[in-house]
Amino acid sequence: MIKSMTGFGLSRSIGKESEVYVEIKGVNHKFLDISIKPNDLTNDLEEYIRNLVSKKIVRGRVDIRVKFKAESKISYSIDSNLLKKFEKSIRKDIKLSDNLQFRDIKDVPGIFNSEIVQKVNNSLIKKVFNAAMDEFISSRNEEGIKIKKVLLKKVKQIESLISKVNNLNNKNFKKRAKLYKEKIMQITSSIDESRIEQEVALLALKHDVNEEIDRISFHTDSLNNELVKKICSGKKIDFVLQELFREANTLSVKLDDPYLKNHALDIKLLIEEMREQTQNVE
C-alpha cells in the first residue's frame, strides 16, 4: 500500500479546567524528521510523541504543534538563608535597630519569589495527540491511494506504447534490411552476396531495440508488483523509475522512425511525471 508523506491531522479537547490542541503536518523528506513545538513539553511527553511517530512513520518531515491551557496557581516562597544574610549585612553596615518589614525585602532579588504553576494533564495531551495522529495517518493513506491510481494508469500507458513500438519495430526491421540490401545491390554486383547479408545484418542490428523493450517490460512489471504490495517503498519505486528512464532514453536514441521515436519520447514524459508523484511516497 502506497503512503504519501503529505498529510494533516487535527484534534482538540475543551473542558472546564483545561484545553488541548494538537496539529500535525507532513511533507516529503529523504528521512524521518520530527519537529515538536513548543519545546517546553515534559521529557516523558516528548519522548512518547517521538516514539509513537517513529513506529508509524518511515520517512518524511513531521511538524507537530501542541497548545494547551490549564488551571494556573501562584506559589510564593522566601529564601530564609538569604534573608538572614541580608538582615545581618544591614545591621552590621547600617546598624539597623528595627525589625525588617516586607517593604524592605520585596524588591531585593532572590529573597521573595513567586512562581506560576500550570497543572498539565499529560494523559489528556496524549489522548488528543493520538486522535490527531490517527487523522494524520488516514490523510496520508488517502493521498497514497490517489498517487497509486495515477502511477498504475501511467504504467499501463507505458506498457501500451512499448507494445506498439515492439510490433512496429519488428516490421520495420525487415523493411530496413530489404532496403539496405537493394541499395547495396544497386551500387555493385561484384560483391559476394553472403558478405552483403552480413553487412545488412550489422546495419539492422544498430537499430535493434529488443533488449531495451525487454528491460522496459521488466521494469514495468516490477512497478506493478511494488504498487500492489501491502507495504510499498517510495525509494524502491524511484530507483526502478531511474532505470526505466535510462532504458527509455536508449530506446529513443536507437529508433530512427519518427513515429516510433515519438512513442519513446512519450514514454520518457510519463516516467518523469511518475517520478514527480513518487517524491511524496513514503
Protein backbone atom coordinates (compact mmCIF):
# COMPACT_ATOMS: atom_id res chain seq x y z
CA MET A 1 0.00 0.00 0.00
CA ILE A 2 1.36 3.41 -1.00
CA LYS A 3 1.51 6.00 1.76
CA SER A 4 2.01 9.65 0.95
CA MET A 5 4.40 11.74 3.04
CA THR A 6 1.96 14.64 2.75
CA GLY A 7 -0.79 14.67 5.37
CA PHE A 8 -2.63 16.65 8.02
CA GLY A 9 -4.16 15.77 11.38
CA LEU A 10 -6.00 17.90 13.92
CA SER A 11 -7.61 17.18 17.29
CA ARG A 12 -8.66 19.19 20.32
CA SER A 13 -10.26 18.81 23.73
CA ILE A 14 -12.00 21.66 25.54
CA GLY A 15 -13.04 21.25 29.17
CA LYS A 16 -13.80 23.43 32.18
CA GLU A 17 -10.28 23.32 33.60
CA SER A 18 -8.14 22.65 30.53
CA GLU A 19 -7.92 22.99 26.75
CA VAL A 20 -5.63 20.94 24.47
CA TYR A 21 -5.00 21.48 20.75
CA VAL A 22 -2.73 19.25 18.58
CA GLU A 23 -1.93 19.86 14.91
CA ILE A 24 0.25 17.55 12.77
CA LYS A 25 1.51 18.37 9.27
CA GLY A 26 3.63 16.18 6.99
CA VAL A 27 5.68 16.94 3.87
CA ASN A 28 8.16 14.94 1.81
CA HIS A 29 11.71 14.42 3.09
CA LYS A 30 14.51 11.91 2.42
CA PHE A 31 14.49 10.73 6.03
CA LEU A 32 12.25 10.94 9.10
CA ASP A 33 12.47 14.42 10.62
CA ILE A 34 10.25 15.20 13.64
CA SER A 35 9.72 18.74 14.88
CA ILE A 36 7.73 19.40 18.08
CA LYS A 37 6.61 22.86 19.18
CA PRO A 38 6.65 24.21 21.77
CA ASN A 39 9.85 22.64 23.04
CA ASP A 40 8.99 23.04 26.73
CA LEU A 41 6.95 19.83 26.99
CA THR A 42 7.96 17.41 29.71
CA ASN A 43 10.64 14.92 28.70
CA ASP A 44 8.40 11.88 29.06
CA LEU A 45 5.67 13.51 26.96
CA GLU A 46 8.06 14.48 24.17
CA GLU A 47 9.62 11.00 24.23
CA TYR A 48 6.15 9.44 24.00
CA ILE A 49 5.31 11.55 20.93
CA ARG A 50 8.61 10.83 19.17
CA ASN A 51 8.40 7.09 19.82
CA LEU A 52 4.85 6.86 18.50
CA VAL A 53 5.68 8.82 15.33
CA SER A 54 8.81 6.71 14.72
CA LYS A 55 6.77 3.49 14.97
CA LYS A 56 4.14 4.60 12.46
CA ILE A 57 6.09 6.80 10.03
CA VAL A 58 9.05 5.64 7.93
CA ARG A 59 10.15 8.93 6.37
CA GLY A 60 9.03 12.50 5.80
CA ARG A 61 9.13 15.75 7.76
CA VAL A 62 6.51 15.74 10.52
CA ASP A 63 5.72 19.06 12.23
CA ILE A 64 3.77 18.73 15.49
CA ARG A 65 2.29 21.73 17.27
CA VAL A 66 0.85 21.31 20.77
CA LYS A 67 -1.12 24.05 22.53
CA PHE A 68 -2.66 23.69 25.97
CA LYS A 69 -4.30 25.84 28.61
CA ALA A 70 -4.78 24.66 32.18
CA GLU A 71 -5.66 25.96 35.61
CA SER A 72 -2.82 28.06 37.00
CA LYS A 73 -1.77 28.57 40.62
CA ILE A 74 0.66 31.08 42.06
CA SER A 75 3.07 29.90 44.74
CA TYR A 76 5.19 32.17 46.94
CA SER A 77 8.44 31.40 48.76
CA ILE A 78 11.05 33.19 50.86
CA ASP A 79 14.71 32.23 50.88
CA SER A 80 15.32 32.21 54.65
CA ASN A 81 19.08 31.84 54.42
CA LEU A 82 19.40 34.74 52.03
CA LEU A 83 17.09 36.82 54.24
CA LYS A 84 19.26 36.18 57.30
CA LYS A 85 22.41 37.15 55.43
CA PHE A 86 20.70 40.28 54.13
CA GLU A 87 19.49 41.26 57.59
CA LYS A 88 22.90 40.58 59.12
CA SER A 89 24.61 42.68 56.46
CA ILE A 90 22.24 45.60 57.01
CA ARG A 91 22.59 45.51 60.80
CA LYS A 92 26.38 45.44 60.51
CA ASP A 93 26.77 48.24 57.99
CA ILE A 94 23.79 50.46 58.71
CA LYS A 95 23.23 49.48 62.34
CA LEU A 96 19.54 48.85 61.78
CA SER A 97 17.73 48.58 65.09
CA ASP A 98 14.17 47.94 63.98
CA ASN A 99 12.89 44.68 62.59
CA LEU A 100 12.78 44.34 58.81
CA GLN A 101 9.41 44.87 57.14
CA PHE A 102 8.09 43.25 53.96
CA ARG A 103 8.53 46.50 52.10
CA ASP A 104 12.24 46.33 52.91
CA ILE A 105 12.80 42.97 51.22
CA LYS A 106 10.17 42.74 48.48
CA ASP A 107 12.46 44.30 45.85
CA VAL A 108 15.64 42.52 46.87
CA PRO A 109 16.43 39.89 44.18
CA GLY A 110 16.25 36.28 45.33
CA ILE A 111 14.64 36.73 48.76
CA PHE A 112 10.99 36.89 47.86
CA ASN A 113 9.93 34.68 44.91
CA SER A 114 6.63 33.98 43.16
CA GLU A 115 6.01 31.24 40.61
CA ILE A 116 3.05 30.49 38.36
CA VAL A 117 2.44 26.76 38.29
CA GLN A 118 0.32 25.36 35.46
CA LYS A 119 -1.10 21.93 36.07
CA VAL A 120 -0.69 19.99 32.82
CA ASN A 121 -2.67 16.81 32.23
CA ASN A 122 -0.21 14.64 30.26
CA SER A 123 -2.76 11.85 29.85
CA LEU A 124 -5.17 14.23 28.14
CA ILE A 125 -2.44 15.58 25.85
CA LYS A 126 -1.50 12.01 24.84
CA LYS A 127 -5.13 11.19 24.13
CA VAL A 128 -5.59 14.27 21.92
CA PHE A 129 -2.27 13.60 20.18
CA ASN A 130 -3.30 10.01 19.38
CA ALA A 131 -6.53 11.25 17.81
CA ALA A 132 -4.62 13.79 15.68
CA MET A 133 -2.12 11.09 14.72
CA ASP A 134 -4.89 8.75 13.55
CA GLU A 135 -6.31 11.51 11.34
CA PHE A 136 -2.82 12.34 10.05
CA ILE A 137 -2.12 8.73 9.04
CA SER A 138 -5.57 8.43 7.48
CA SER A 139 -4.96 11.50 5.31
CA ARG A 140 -1.57 10.11 4.22
CA ASN A 141 -3.22 6.83 3.25
CA GLU A 142 -5.94 8.60 1.26
CA GLU A 143 -3.32 10.65 -0.60
CA GLY A 144 -1.37 7.43 -1.20
CA ILE A 145 -4.39 5.82 -2.85
CA LYS A 146 -4.64 8.76 -5.25
CA ILE A 147 -0.93 8.51 -6.10
CA LYS A 148 -1.24 4.76 -6.66
CA LYS A 149 -4.07 5.26 -9.16
CA VAL A 150 -2.03 7.84 -11.07
CA LEU A 151 1.08 5.63 -11.17
CA LEU A 152 -0.80 2.49 -12.26
CA LYS A 153 -2.52 4.46 -15.03
CA LYS A 154 0.81 5.76 -16.33
CA VAL A 155 2.40 2.29 -16.16
CA LYS A 156 -0.43 0.97 -18.37
CA GLN A 157 0.17 3.82 -20.81
CA ILE A 158 3.88 2.93 -20.95
CA GLU A 159 3.06 -0.75 -21.49
CA SER A 160 0.69 0.17 -24.33
CA LEU A 161 3.28 2.41 -26.00
CA ILE A 162 6.10 -0.12 -25.69
CA SER A 163 3.85 -2.79 -27.19
CA LYS A 164 3.21 -0.56 -30.21
CA VAL A 165 6.91 0.17 -30.54
CA ASN A 166 7.75 -3.53 -30.39
CA ASN A 167 5.20 -4.55 -33.04
CA LEU A 168 6.04 -1.76 -35.46
CA ASN A 169 9.79 -2.09 -34.95
CA ASN A 170 9.73 -5.78 -35.88
CA LYS A 171 8.04 -4.89 -39.16
CA ASN A 172 10.45 -2.03 -39.78
CA PHE A 173 13.42 -4.30 -39.13
CA LYS A 174 12.55 -6.50 -42.12
CA LYS A 175 11.83 -3.49 -44.32
CA ARG A 176 15.09 -1.82 -43.28
CA ALA A 177 17.13 -4.95 -44.08
CA LYS A 178 15.48 -5.24 -47.51
CA LEU A 179 16.17 -1.59 -48.32
CA TYR A 180 19.82 -1.87 -47.29
CA LYS A 181 20.26 -4.92 -49.48
CA GLU A 182 18.62 -3.28 -52.51
CA LYS A 183 20.78 -0.16 -52.18
CA ILE A 184 23.97 -2.18 -51.95
CA MET A 185 22.98 -4.36 -54.94
CA GLN A 186 22.36 -1.21 -56.97
CA ILE A 187 25.84 0.08 -56.19
CA THR A 188 27.71 -3.10 -57.07
CA SER A 189 27.04 -6.55 -58.30
CA SER A 190 30.58 -7.87 -57.86
CA ILE A 191 30.46 -8.22 -54.06
CA ASP A 192 29.74 -11.61 -52.59
CA GLU A 193 26.06 -11.88 -51.64
CA SER A 194 26.88 -13.58 -48.31
CA ARG A 195 29.08 -10.61 -47.37
CA ILE A 196 26.22 -8.30 -48.27
CA GLU A 197 23.92 -10.28 -45.97
CA GLN A 198 26.40 -9.85 -43.10
CA GLU A 199 26.73 -6.11 -43.60
CA VAL A 200 22.96 -5.71 -43.86
CA ALA A 201 22.50 -7.65 -40.61
CA LEU A 202 25.08 -5.47 -38.81
CA LEU A 203 23.42 -2.27 -40.02
CA ALA A 204 20.00 -3.51 -38.99
CA LEU A 205 21.25 -4.56 -35.55
CA LYS A 206 22.33 -0.99 -34.83
CA HIS A 207 18.65 -0.15 -34.65
CA ASP A 208 17.57 -3.33 -32.85
CA VAL A 209 15.74 -2.35 -29.64
CA ASN A 210 14.52 -5.75 -28.49
CA GLU A 211 16.82 -5.65 -25.45
CA GLU A 212 15.56 -2.21 -24.41
CA ILE A 213 11.95 -3.31 -24.88
CA ASP A 214 12.53 -6.40 -22.73
CA ARG A 215 14.12 -4.33 -19.96
CA ILE A 216 11.36 -1.74 -20.03
CA SER A 217 8.78 -4.52 -19.75
CA PHE A 218 10.72 -5.98 -16.82
CA HIS A 219 10.75 -2.62 -15.02
CA THR A 220 7.03 -2.01 -15.59
CA ASP A 221 6.34 -5.47 -14.13
CA SER A 222 8.47 -4.52 -11.11
CA LEU A 223 6.47 -1.31 -10.68
CA ASN A 224 3.15 -3.13 -10.87
CA ASN A 225 4.31 -5.65 -8.26
CA GLU A 226 5.58 -2.93 -5.91
CA LEU A 227 2.47 -0.77 -6.22
CA VAL A 228 0.15 -3.54 -5.04
CA LYS A 229 2.27 -4.58 -2.05
CA LYS A 230 0.89 -4.13 1.45
CA ILE A 231 4.00 -2.15 2.42
CA CYS A 232 5.26 -0.09 -0.50
CA SER A 233 8.67 1.64 -0.65
CA GLY A 234 8.93 5.07 -2.28
CA LYS A 235 12.71 4.73 -2.53
CA LYS A 236 12.42 1.47 -4.47
CA ILE A 237 9.83 2.93 -6.85
CA ASP A 238 12.11 5.90 -7.51
CA PHE A 239 15.06 3.57 -8.21
CA VAL A 240 13.03 1.49 -10.69
CA LEU A 241 11.87 4.68 -12.42
CA GLN A 242 15.50 5.80 -12.79
CA GLU A 243 16.37 2.52 -14.50
CA LEU A 244 13.21 2.72 -16.61
CA PHE A 245 14.10 6.23 -17.77
CA ARG A 246 17.60 5.09 -18.72
CA GLU A 247 16.22 2.34 -20.95
CA ALA A 248 13.59 4.67 -22.46
CA ASN A 249 16.33 7.17 -23.27
CA THR A 250 18.41 4.50 -25.05
CA LEU A 251 15.28 3.41 -26.91
CA SER A 252 14.59 6.92 -28.19
CA VAL A 253 18.20 7.23 -29.43
CA LYS A 254 18.16 3.92 -31.32
CA LEU A 255 14.80 4.41 -33.04
CA ASP A 256 15.10 6.16 -36.41
CA ASP A 257 11.44 6.11 -37.41
CA PRO A 258 9.84 9.48 -36.39
CA TYR A 259 6.55 7.85 -35.42
CA LEU A 260 8.26 5.31 -33.15
CA LYS A 261 10.62 7.94 -31.73
CA ASN A 262 7.59 9.99 -30.64
CA HIS A 263 6.30 6.95 -28.74
CA ALA A 264 9.64 6.68 -26.95
CA LEU A 265 9.55 10.38 -26.05
CA ASP A 266 6.01 9.95 -24.69
CA ILE A 267 7.30 7.10 -22.51
CA LYS A 268 10.06 9.35 -21.13
CA LEU A 269 7.49 12.05 -20.36
CA LEU A 270 5.28 9.58 -18.49
CA ILE A 271 8.25 8.38 -16.43
CA GLU A 272 9.14 11.97 -15.47
CA GLU A 273 5.55 12.59 -14.37
CA MET A 274 5.66 9.41 -12.29
CA ARG A 275 8.90 10.50 -10.62
CA GLU A 276 7.26 13.76 -9.58
CA GLN A 277 4.43 11.82 -7.96
CA THR A 278 6.86 9.44 -6.26
CA GLN A 279 8.53 12.33 -4.40
CA ASN A 280 5.58 12.20 -1.97
CA VAL A 281 5.62 8.44 -1.46
CA GLU A 282 6.87 7.23 1.94
